[in-house]
């Protein structure tokens, strides 16, 4: 699982915004995570302890087949069924990387 890749996808493709997380119950681990609108959903409670990665709230594109395929569909990336390798457990991460590169190239001139 590559949560850095997941974070980059939601930040660049979906325009998620940073949210500042204060110190945890031990007074440590203040950090920044990405959320859809720069704030937590109503009623959402973060874990009481531990450092959270920037992609903590992001879908798991890099490990979840469905999320990776939905991402490809969302950005309208051409994908042939013959390219899908159900025997390759790294396929979701590979597809997610391809989607990010496709999106960057498609939006290079914007």
N, C-alpha and C. Protein backbone atom coordinates (compact mmCIF):
# COMPACT_ATOMS: atom_id res chain seq x y z
N UNK A 1 0.85 -1.17 0.00
CA UNK A 1 0.00 0.00 0.00
C UNK A 1 0.90 1.23 0.00
N UNK A 2 0.54 2.20 -0.83
CA UNK A 2 1.35 3.41 -0.96
C UNK A 2 0.47 4.62 -0.64
N UNK A 3 0.42 5.00 0.63
CA UNK A 3 -0.45 6.10 1.05
C UNK A 3 0.06 7.45 0.54
N UNK A 4 1.36 7.56 0.26
CA UNK A 4 1.86 8.81 -0.33
C UNK A 4 1.27 9.00 -1.73
N UNK A 5 1.19 7.92 -2.49
CA UNK A 5 0.57 7.98 -3.82
C UNK A 5 -0.91 8.33 -3.70
N UNK A 6 -1.60 7.70 -2.77
CA UNK A 6 -3.02 8.00 -2.56
C UNK A 6 -3.22 9.47 -2.22
N UNK A 7 -2.33 10.01 -1.37
CA UNK A 7 -2.42 11.43 -0.99
C UNK A 7 -2.18 12.33 -2.20
N UNK A 8 -1.19 12.00 -3.00
CA UNK A 8 -0.90 12.82 -4.18
C UNK A 8 -2.08 12.82 -5.15
N UNK A 9 -2.73 11.68 -5.29
CA UNK A 9 -3.89 11.59 -6.18
C UNK A 9 -5.02 12.49 -5.70
N UNK A 10 -5.38 12.40 -4.41
CA UNK A 10 -6.51 13.22 -3.95
C UNK A 10 -6.16 14.70 -3.95
N UNK A 11 -4.88 15.01 -3.73
CA UNK A 11 -4.47 16.42 -3.73
C UNK A 11 -4.49 17.00 -5.14
N UNK A 12 -3.92 16.27 -6.10
CA UNK A 12 -3.76 16.82 -7.45
C UNK A 12 -5.01 16.63 -8.31
N UNK A 13 -5.61 15.46 -8.26
CA UNK A 13 -6.75 15.17 -9.14
C UNK A 13 -8.07 15.65 -8.54
N UNK A 14 -8.25 15.43 -7.25
CA UNK A 14 -9.53 15.76 -6.62
C UNK A 14 -9.50 17.08 -5.83
N UNK A 15 -8.34 17.74 -5.82
CA UNK A 15 -8.19 19.04 -5.15
C UNK A 15 -8.53 19.03 -3.67
N UNK A 16 -8.15 17.96 -2.98
CA UNK A 16 -8.36 17.93 -1.54
C UNK A 16 -7.47 18.97 -0.89
N UNK A 17 -7.89 19.43 0.26
CA UNK A 17 -7.21 20.52 0.96
C UNK A 17 -6.56 20.02 2.25
N UNK A 18 -5.50 20.72 2.70
CA UNK A 18 -4.85 20.32 3.96
C UNK A 18 -5.71 20.66 5.18
N UNK A 19 -5.61 19.82 6.18
CA UNK A 19 -6.26 20.02 7.47
C UNK A 19 -5.20 19.81 8.54
N UNK A 20 -5.04 20.77 9.42
CA UNK A 20 -4.03 20.68 10.48
C UNK A 20 -4.58 19.87 11.65
N UNK A 21 -3.87 18.82 12.00
CA UNK A 21 -4.23 17.97 13.14
C UNK A 21 -3.35 18.39 14.31
N UNK A 22 -3.97 18.70 15.41
CA UNK A 22 -3.22 19.09 16.61
C UNK A 22 -2.53 17.90 17.25
N UNK A 23 -1.82 18.14 18.34
CA UNK A 23 -1.12 17.06 19.04
C UNK A 23 -2.10 15.97 19.50
N UNK A 24 -1.59 14.76 19.60
CA UNK A 24 -2.41 13.65 20.06
C UNK A 24 -2.50 13.65 21.59
N UNK A 25 -3.02 12.58 22.16
CA UNK A 25 -3.22 12.48 23.61
C UNK A 25 -1.91 12.57 24.38
N UNK A 26 -0.80 12.25 23.73
CA UNK A 26 0.52 12.33 24.38
C UNK A 26 1.17 13.69 24.17
N UNK A 27 0.47 14.60 23.50
CA UNK A 27 1.03 15.92 23.24
C UNK A 27 2.02 15.94 22.09
N UNK A 28 2.01 14.91 21.27
CA UNK A 28 2.95 14.80 20.14
C UNK A 28 2.17 14.59 18.84
N UNK A 29 2.91 14.42 17.77
CA UNK A 29 2.37 13.99 16.48
C UNK A 29 1.41 14.96 15.81
N UNK A 30 1.56 16.25 16.03
CA UNK A 30 0.79 17.22 15.25
C UNK A 30 1.20 17.02 13.78
N UNK A 31 0.25 17.12 12.88
CA UNK A 31 0.56 16.84 11.48
C UNK A 31 -0.49 17.49 10.58
N UNK A 32 -0.35 17.22 9.29
CA UNK A 32 -1.30 17.71 8.30
C UNK A 32 -1.83 16.52 7.52
N UNK A 33 -3.14 16.44 7.37
CA UNK A 33 -3.76 15.42 6.53
C UNK A 33 -4.56 16.13 5.44
N UNK A 34 -4.94 15.40 4.43
CA UNK A 34 -5.76 15.96 3.36
C UNK A 34 -7.21 15.52 3.55
N UNK A 35 -8.13 16.47 3.36
CA UNK A 35 -9.56 16.16 3.41
C UNK A 35 -10.22 16.79 2.19
N UNK A 36 -11.42 16.38 1.90
CA UNK A 36 -12.10 16.88 0.70
C UNK A 36 -12.22 18.39 0.67
N UNK A 37 -12.47 19.00 1.83
CA UNK A 37 -12.70 20.45 1.86
C UNK A 37 -11.86 21.18 2.90
N UNK A 38 -10.82 20.53 3.42
CA UNK A 38 -9.95 21.18 4.39
C UNK A 38 -10.47 21.14 5.81
N UNK A 39 -11.52 20.35 6.05
CA UNK A 39 -12.02 20.16 7.41
C UNK A 39 -12.52 18.72 7.55
N UNK A 40 -12.70 18.30 8.78
CA UNK A 40 -13.17 16.94 9.02
C UNK A 40 -14.68 16.86 8.80
N UNK A 41 -15.16 15.70 8.33
CA UNK A 41 -16.61 15.52 8.22
C UNK A 41 -17.26 15.67 9.61
N UNK A 42 -18.47 16.17 9.64
CA UNK A 42 -19.18 16.33 10.91
C UNK A 42 -19.20 15.03 11.69
N UNK A 43 -18.82 15.11 12.95
CA UNK A 43 -18.86 13.96 13.84
C UNK A 43 -17.69 13.00 13.71
N UNK A 44 -16.77 13.26 12.78
CA UNK A 44 -15.64 12.34 12.59
C UNK A 44 -14.63 12.53 13.71
N UNK A 45 -14.19 11.45 14.30
CA UNK A 45 -13.22 11.48 15.39
C UNK A 45 -11.92 10.84 14.92
N UNK A 46 -10.84 11.59 14.97
CA UNK A 46 -9.53 11.04 14.61
C UNK A 46 -9.03 10.13 15.73
N UNK A 47 -8.11 9.21 15.41
CA UNK A 47 -7.53 8.37 16.45
C UNK A 47 -6.87 9.24 17.53
N UNK A 48 -6.91 8.78 18.77
CA UNK A 48 -6.39 9.54 19.90
C UNK A 48 -4.88 9.63 19.97
N UNK A 49 -4.18 8.67 19.38
CA UNK A 49 -2.72 8.65 19.45
C UNK A 49 -2.14 8.26 18.10
N UNK A 50 -0.93 8.74 17.87
CA UNK A 50 -0.19 8.33 16.68
C UNK A 50 -0.16 9.38 15.58
N UNK A 51 0.89 9.30 14.80
CA UNK A 51 1.09 10.21 13.67
C UNK A 51 0.25 9.74 12.48
N UNK A 52 -0.46 10.65 11.87
CA UNK A 52 -1.28 10.32 10.70
C UNK A 52 -0.58 10.80 9.44
N UNK A 53 -0.63 9.99 8.40
CA UNK A 53 -0.05 10.39 7.12
C UNK A 53 -0.98 11.32 6.37
N UNK A 54 -0.45 12.06 5.40
CA UNK A 54 -1.26 13.00 4.61
C UNK A 54 -2.44 12.31 3.93
N UNK A 55 -2.29 11.06 3.57
CA UNK A 55 -3.34 10.33 2.88
C UNK A 55 -4.26 9.54 3.80
N UNK A 56 -4.27 9.86 5.08
CA UNK A 56 -5.07 9.12 6.06
C UNK A 56 -6.54 8.99 5.65
N UNK A 57 -7.13 10.04 5.11
CA UNK A 57 -8.55 10.05 4.76
C UNK A 57 -8.81 9.63 3.30
N UNK A 58 -7.76 9.47 2.52
CA UNK A 58 -7.90 9.20 1.08
C UNK A 58 -8.36 7.77 0.82
N UNK A 59 -9.12 7.57 -0.27
CA UNK A 59 -9.41 6.20 -0.70
C UNK A 59 -8.09 5.47 -0.98
N UNK A 60 -8.11 4.18 -0.89
CA UNK A 60 -6.88 3.38 -1.05
C UNK A 60 -6.71 2.93 -2.50
N UNK A 61 -6.49 3.91 -3.35
CA UNK A 61 -6.31 3.62 -4.78
C UNK A 61 -5.19 2.62 -5.01
N UNK A 62 -4.12 2.73 -4.23
CA UNK A 62 -2.90 1.95 -4.47
C UNK A 62 -3.02 0.47 -4.08
N UNK A 63 -4.11 0.09 -3.44
CA UNK A 63 -4.27 -1.31 -3.06
C UNK A 63 -5.64 -1.88 -3.41
N UNK A 64 -6.60 -1.02 -3.66
CA UNK A 64 -7.98 -1.45 -3.90
C UNK A 64 -8.29 -1.43 -5.40
N UNK A 65 -8.56 -2.59 -5.95
CA UNK A 65 -8.84 -2.72 -7.37
C UNK A 65 -9.99 -1.82 -7.81
N UNK A 66 -11.07 -1.83 -7.05
CA UNK A 66 -12.26 -1.05 -7.41
C UNK A 66 -11.94 0.44 -7.42
N UNK A 67 -11.26 0.91 -6.38
CA UNK A 67 -10.91 2.34 -6.30
C UNK A 67 -10.00 2.74 -7.45
N UNK A 68 -9.03 1.88 -7.78
CA UNK A 68 -8.11 2.19 -8.89
C UNK A 68 -8.86 2.26 -10.22
N UNK A 69 -9.77 1.34 -10.44
CA UNK A 69 -10.55 1.35 -11.69
C UNK A 69 -11.51 2.53 -11.73
N UNK A 70 -12.12 2.88 -10.60
CA UNK A 70 -12.99 4.06 -10.55
C UNK A 70 -12.19 5.33 -10.84
N UNK A 71 -10.95 5.37 -10.37
CA UNK A 71 -10.08 6.52 -10.64
C UNK A 71 -9.84 6.65 -12.15
N UNK A 72 -9.50 5.54 -12.79
CA UNK A 72 -9.26 5.56 -14.25
C UNK A 72 -10.51 6.04 -14.99
N UNK A 73 -11.66 5.58 -14.55
CA UNK A 73 -12.92 6.01 -15.18
C UNK A 73 -13.16 7.50 -14.93
N UNK A 74 -12.91 7.96 -13.71
CA UNK A 74 -13.14 9.36 -13.34
C UNK A 74 -12.34 10.32 -14.22
N UNK A 75 -11.08 9.98 -14.48
CA UNK A 75 -10.24 10.87 -15.28
C UNK A 75 -10.33 10.57 -16.77
N UNK A 76 -11.18 9.61 -17.11
CA UNK A 76 -11.41 9.23 -18.51
C UNK A 76 -10.13 8.74 -19.20
N UNK A 77 -9.37 7.94 -18.46
CA UNK A 77 -8.15 7.36 -19.02
C UNK A 77 -8.51 6.11 -19.81
N UNK A 78 -8.09 6.03 -21.06
CA UNK A 78 -8.37 4.83 -21.84
C UNK A 78 -7.74 3.61 -21.17
N UNK A 79 -8.52 2.57 -21.04
CA UNK A 79 -8.03 1.35 -20.40
C UNK A 79 -8.71 0.16 -21.07
N UNK A 80 -7.90 -0.69 -21.64
CA UNK A 80 -8.41 -1.88 -22.30
C UNK A 80 -8.46 -3.02 -21.28
N UNK A 81 -9.50 -3.82 -21.37
CA UNK A 81 -9.66 -4.93 -20.44
C UNK A 81 -8.46 -5.88 -20.47
N UNK A 82 -7.80 -5.98 -21.60
CA UNK A 82 -6.64 -6.87 -21.70
C UNK A 82 -5.46 -6.37 -20.87
N UNK A 83 -5.50 -5.10 -20.45
CA UNK A 83 -4.42 -4.54 -19.63
C UNK A 83 -4.56 -4.91 -18.16
N UNK A 84 -5.72 -5.39 -17.77
CA UNK A 84 -5.97 -5.70 -16.37
C UNK A 84 -5.43 -7.09 -16.06
N UNK A 85 -4.49 -7.16 -15.13
CA UNK A 85 -3.87 -8.42 -14.76
C UNK A 85 -4.32 -8.81 -13.35
N UNK A 86 -5.29 -9.69 -13.27
CA UNK A 86 -5.84 -10.09 -11.98
C UNK A 86 -4.87 -10.93 -11.16
N UNK A 87 -3.79 -11.39 -11.77
CA UNK A 87 -2.79 -12.16 -11.04
C UNK A 87 -1.69 -11.28 -10.45
N UNK A 88 -1.70 -10.02 -10.79
CA UNK A 88 -0.67 -9.10 -10.30
C UNK A 88 -1.21 -8.32 -9.11
N UNK A 89 -0.78 -8.66 -7.92
CA UNK A 89 -1.30 -8.00 -6.72
C UNK A 89 -0.89 -6.53 -6.65
N UNK A 90 0.09 -6.12 -7.45
CA UNK A 90 0.52 -4.72 -7.48
C UNK A 90 -0.22 -3.91 -8.54
N UNK A 91 -1.14 -4.54 -9.24
CA UNK A 91 -1.85 -3.85 -10.32
C UNK A 91 -2.54 -2.56 -9.86
N UNK A 92 -3.25 -2.54 -8.72
CA UNK A 92 -3.90 -1.28 -8.32
C UNK A 92 -2.91 -0.11 -8.18
N UNK A 93 -1.74 -0.38 -7.61
CA UNK A 93 -0.74 0.69 -7.48
C UNK A 93 -0.21 1.11 -8.85
N UNK A 94 0.06 0.15 -9.70
CA UNK A 94 0.55 0.47 -11.05
C UNK A 94 -0.47 1.29 -11.82
N UNK A 95 -1.74 0.89 -11.74
CA UNK A 95 -2.80 1.63 -12.43
C UNK A 95 -2.94 3.03 -11.85
N UNK A 96 -2.86 3.14 -10.53
CA UNK A 96 -2.97 4.46 -9.89
C UNK A 96 -1.85 5.38 -10.34
N UNK A 97 -0.64 4.86 -10.45
CA UNK A 97 0.49 5.67 -10.94
C UNK A 97 0.25 6.10 -12.39
N UNK A 98 -0.23 5.17 -13.21
CA UNK A 98 -0.54 5.51 -14.61
C UNK A 98 -1.61 6.59 -14.69
N UNK A 99 -2.61 6.48 -13.84
CA UNK A 99 -3.69 7.48 -13.81
C UNK A 99 -3.14 8.85 -13.46
N UNK A 100 -2.29 8.91 -12.45
CA UNK A 100 -1.72 10.19 -12.03
C UNK A 100 -0.89 10.79 -13.15
N UNK A 101 -0.06 9.99 -13.82
CA UNK A 101 0.76 10.49 -14.93
C UNK A 101 -0.12 10.92 -16.10
N UNK A 102 -1.14 10.13 -16.41
CA UNK A 102 -2.07 10.48 -17.48
C UNK A 102 -2.73 11.83 -17.17
N UNK A 103 -3.19 12.00 -15.94
CA UNK A 103 -3.86 13.24 -15.55
C UNK A 103 -2.91 14.43 -15.62
N UNK A 104 -1.66 14.25 -15.14
CA UNK A 104 -0.68 15.34 -15.20
C UNK A 104 -0.41 15.74 -16.65
N UNK A 105 -0.22 14.76 -17.53
CA UNK A 105 0.04 15.06 -18.94
C UNK A 105 -1.16 15.72 -19.61
N UNK A 106 -2.34 15.26 -19.28
CA UNK A 106 -3.57 15.80 -19.85
C UNK A 106 -3.78 17.26 -19.43
N UNK A 107 -3.35 17.60 -18.22
CA UNK A 107 -3.58 18.94 -17.67
C UNK A 107 -2.33 19.81 -17.66
N UNK A 108 -1.31 19.38 -18.38
CA UNK A 108 -0.03 20.09 -18.39
C UNK A 108 -0.16 21.53 -18.86
N UNK A 109 -1.01 21.77 -19.81
CA UNK A 109 -1.13 23.10 -20.41
C UNK A 109 -2.18 23.98 -19.75
N UNK A 110 -2.83 23.47 -18.71
CA UNK A 110 -3.87 24.28 -18.04
C UNK A 110 -3.28 25.25 -17.04
